[in-house]
Amino acid sequence: MANEDLAALVRTIKDYPHAGIMFRDITTLLLDGTGFAACTERLAAAIITPPDLVAGIEARGFIFGAALAQRLGVGFVLLRKQNKLPGRVTGVNYALEYGTDRIEMHADAVQPGQRVLLVDDLIATGGTALAGLELLRGAGAVVDEAAFVIDLPDLGGAAKLRAAGISVHNLLEFEGD
């Protein structure tokens, strides 16, 4: 596996939050300064077209997105859960396994035509990432790349993003999750 050094820093917690789930915990990677720095550098190196902004999905996407924005020398946009941002917001509702959720950003965070890189720690089913994509594109952003530390390919989220015209970059893959 590529990036074996980083994979060794990701803890797997069996049966969390439900029986049968193998939770990939990146907090152990974050505890390792060298690993976290390598993660940021490797994600930055994978980006094809320099963005104007990086958008991170709440909550762990804030960590990697902000580090990546700093490394790339660009601003950072927060994509947050409903009612977490002050001021005027724009949002998108999206389906969950049991119900719906909403993701929002400040209405003035992105200007039409700005190139935005979408970032989160992990891509699983893709629901939240697709909602973030819809939100950003709805504001006129050009979004054609997304970066994740981990992809769970069996759940199909990265494939859904590719079908939406996104180049998906990830450092690690864990099968069977």
Protein backbone atom coordinates (compact mmCIF):
# COMPACT_ATOMS: atom_id res chain seq x y z
CA MET A 1 0.00 0.00 0.00
CA ALA A 2 1.26 3.47 -0.82
CA ASN A 3 1.78 5.71 2.19
CA GLU A 4 2.26 2.75 4.51
CA ASP A 5 3.88 5.05 7.05
CA LEU A 6 0.65 7.05 7.29
CA ALA A 7 -1.56 3.97 7.29
CA ALA A 8 0.35 2.72 10.33
CA LEU A 9 -0.67 5.89 12.18
CA VAL A 10 -4.42 5.36 11.63
CA ARG A 11 -6.05 3.41 14.45
CA THR A 12 -8.89 1.02 13.62
CA ILE A 13 -11.64 0.70 16.22
CA LYS A 14 -13.85 -2.34 15.70
CA ASP A 15 -17.63 -2.06 16.14
CA TYR A 16 -17.69 1.75 16.49
CA PRO A 17 -20.13 3.45 16.42
CA HIS A 18 -22.15 0.30 15.60
CA ALA A 19 -21.50 -3.43 15.41
CA GLY A 20 -19.81 -4.39 12.16
CA ILE A 21 -18.20 -0.99 11.58
CA MET A 22 -14.41 -0.69 11.38
CA PHE A 23 -13.91 2.96 12.37
CA ARG A 24 -10.77 4.54 10.89
CA ASP A 25 -9.58 6.95 13.58
CA ILE A 26 -7.26 9.68 12.28
CA THR A 27 -6.71 11.22 15.71
CA THR A 28 -3.70 8.95 16.14
CA LEU A 29 -2.25 10.32 12.89
CA LEU A 30 -2.81 13.86 14.20
CA LEU A 31 -0.87 13.02 17.37
CA ASP A 32 2.21 12.34 15.25
CA GLY A 33 3.67 15.67 14.14
CA THR A 34 5.84 14.14 11.44
CA GLY A 35 2.95 12.07 10.10
CA PHE A 36 0.53 15.01 10.10
CA ALA A 37 3.08 17.18 8.26
CA ALA A 38 3.73 14.40 5.73
CA CYS A 39 -0.01 14.03 5.20
CA THR A 40 -0.37 17.74 4.43
CA GLU A 41 2.65 17.75 2.10
CA ARG A 42 1.48 14.68 0.20
CA LEU A 43 -2.05 16.01 -0.25
CA ALA A 44 -0.62 19.33 -1.49
CA ALA A 45 1.61 17.50 -3.97
CA ALA A 46 -1.39 15.63 -5.39
CA ILE A 47 -3.31 18.78 -6.34
CA ILE A 48 -3.35 19.31 -10.10
CA THR A 49 -4.53 22.92 -10.36
CA PRO A 50 -3.76 25.44 -7.59
CA PRO A 51 -7.00 26.57 -5.93
CA ASP A 52 -8.03 30.05 -4.87
CA LEU A 53 -9.60 28.60 -1.71
CA VAL A 54 -9.80 25.36 0.22
CA ALA A 55 -13.20 24.33 1.64
CA GLY A 56 -13.18 21.95 4.60
CA ILE A 57 -16.15 19.88 5.73
CA GLU A 58 -17.00 19.93 9.46
CA ALA A 59 -15.34 18.75 11.59
CA ARG A 60 -12.20 16.79 10.75
CA GLY A 61 -12.13 18.37 7.30
CA PHE A 62 -11.37 21.64 9.11
CA ILE A 63 -8.12 20.18 10.43
CA PHE A 64 -6.79 18.88 7.14
CA GLY A 65 -8.37 21.63 5.05
CA ALA A 66 -6.92 24.45 7.13
CA ALA A 67 -3.45 22.86 7.12
CA LEU A 68 -3.68 22.36 3.37
CA ALA A 69 -4.90 25.94 2.78
CA GLN A 70 -1.98 27.26 4.83
CA ARG A 71 0.46 25.05 2.90
CA LEU A 72 -0.99 26.21 -0.45
CA GLY A 73 -1.08 29.87 0.67
CA VAL A 74 -4.81 30.32 0.11
CA GLY A 75 -7.88 31.10 2.19
CA PHE A 76 -10.10 28.60 3.96
CA VAL A 77 -13.89 28.19 3.74
CA LEU A 78 -15.81 26.41 6.49
CA LEU A 79 -18.63 24.08 5.44
CA ARG A 80 -20.58 23.64 8.66
CA LYS A 81 -23.63 21.91 10.01
CA GLN A 82 -26.81 23.94 10.18
CA ASN A 83 -27.00 26.97 12.52
CA LYS A 84 -23.30 27.01 13.40
CA LEU A 85 -22.22 30.07 11.40
CA PRO A 86 -23.09 33.66 12.31
CA GLY A 87 -24.35 36.03 9.64
CA ARG A 88 -26.01 35.29 6.34
CA VAL A 89 -25.53 31.72 5.11
CA THR A 90 -26.44 29.58 2.17
CA GLY A 91 -27.03 25.87 2.55
CA VAL A 92 -27.92 22.54 1.02
CA ASN A 93 -30.02 19.75 2.50
CA TYR A 94 -28.87 16.21 1.83
CA ALA A 95 -30.06 12.69 2.59
CA LEU A 96 -28.67 10.53 5.35
CA GLU A 97 -29.35 6.85 5.88
CA TYR A 98 -32.17 7.80 8.27
CA GLY A 99 -33.32 11.36 7.57
CA THR A 100 -31.69 14.51 6.29
CA ASP A 101 -28.98 16.95 7.30
CA ARG A 102 -27.88 20.37 6.13
CA ILE A 103 -24.50 21.88 5.36
CA GLU A 104 -23.97 25.64 5.20
CA MET A 105 -21.35 28.27 4.45
CA HIS A 106 -21.27 32.04 4.68
CA ALA A 107 -23.12 33.49 1.70
CA ASP A 108 -20.16 35.72 0.83
CA ALA A 109 -17.39 33.13 1.35
CA VAL A 110 -16.97 32.19 -2.31
CA GLN A 111 -17.08 34.44 -5.35
CA PRO A 112 -18.27 33.16 -8.74
CA GLY A 113 -15.39 31.76 -10.75
CA GLN A 114 -13.13 31.05 -7.79
CA ARG A 115 -11.42 27.67 -7.94
CA VAL A 116 -12.13 25.75 -4.71
CA LEU A 117 -10.57 22.51 -3.48
CA LEU A 118 -12.96 20.40 -1.37
CA VAL A 119 -11.28 18.62 1.59
CA ASP A 120 -12.31 16.14 4.27
CA ASP A 121 -10.53 13.50 6.30
CA LEU A 122 -12.44 10.57 4.81
CA ILE A 123 -14.72 9.77 1.88
CA ALA A 124 -17.22 6.99 2.54
CA THR A 125 -20.66 7.09 0.88
CA GLY A 126 -20.04 10.60 -0.44
CA GLY A 127 -23.27 12.20 0.77
CA THR A 128 -21.68 15.06 2.67
CA ALA A 129 -19.00 15.64 0.03
CA LEU A 130 -21.62 15.78 -2.73
CA ALA A 131 -23.64 18.26 -0.66
CA GLY A 132 -20.50 20.38 -0.21
CA LEU A 133 -19.90 20.21 -3.96
CA GLU A 134 -23.47 21.31 -4.66
CA LEU A 135 -23.18 24.15 -2.15
CA LEU A 136 -19.91 25.44 -3.61
CA ARG A 137 -20.97 25.11 -7.24
CA GLY A 138 -24.28 26.75 -6.37
CA ALA A 139 -22.28 29.81 -5.27
CA GLY A 140 -20.52 29.84 -8.64
CA ALA A 141 -17.28 28.17 -7.54
CA VAL A 142 -15.27 26.04 -9.91
CA VAL A 143 -14.78 22.75 -8.09
CA ASP A 144 -13.02 20.02 -9.99
CA GLU A 145 -10.77 18.48 -7.32
CA ALA A 146 -11.29 17.00 -3.87
CA ALA A 147 -8.75 15.65 -1.39
CA PHE A 148 -9.19 13.12 1.40
CA VAL A 149 -6.76 11.37 3.68
CA ILE A 150 -8.77 8.13 3.53
CA ASP A 151 -11.05 6.57 0.93
CA LEU A 152 -13.34 3.67 1.76
CA PRO A 153 -13.83 2.54 -1.87
CA ASP A 154 -16.35 -0.20 -1.08
CA LEU A 155 -18.82 2.52 -0.03
CA GLY A 156 -18.63 4.28 -3.41
CA GLY A 157 -18.31 7.93 -2.43
CA ALA A 158 -15.19 8.67 -4.48
CA ALA A 159 -16.82 7.07 -7.53
CA LYS A 160 -19.85 9.35 -7.09
CA LEU A 161 -17.58 12.40 -6.96
CA ARG A 162 -15.75 11.25 -10.10
CA ALA A 163 -19.14 10.86 -11.82
CA ALA A 164 -19.77 14.52 -10.90
CA GLY A 165 -16.58 15.55 -12.70
CA ILE A 166 -14.25 15.68 -9.70
CA SER A 167 -10.64 14.45 -9.64
CA VAL A 168 -10.43 12.68 -6.29
CA HIS A 169 -7.12 12.50 -4.43
CA ASN A 170 -6.59 10.32 -1.39
CA LEU A 171 -3.56 9.03 0.44
CA LEU A 172 -4.99 5.84 1.94
CA GLU A 173 -7.62 3.22 1.10
CA PHE A 174 -9.17 0.75 3.48
CA GLU A 175 -11.22 -2.05 1.90
CA GLY A 176 -14.27 -3.72 3.37
CA ASP A 177 -15.64 -0.78 5.32
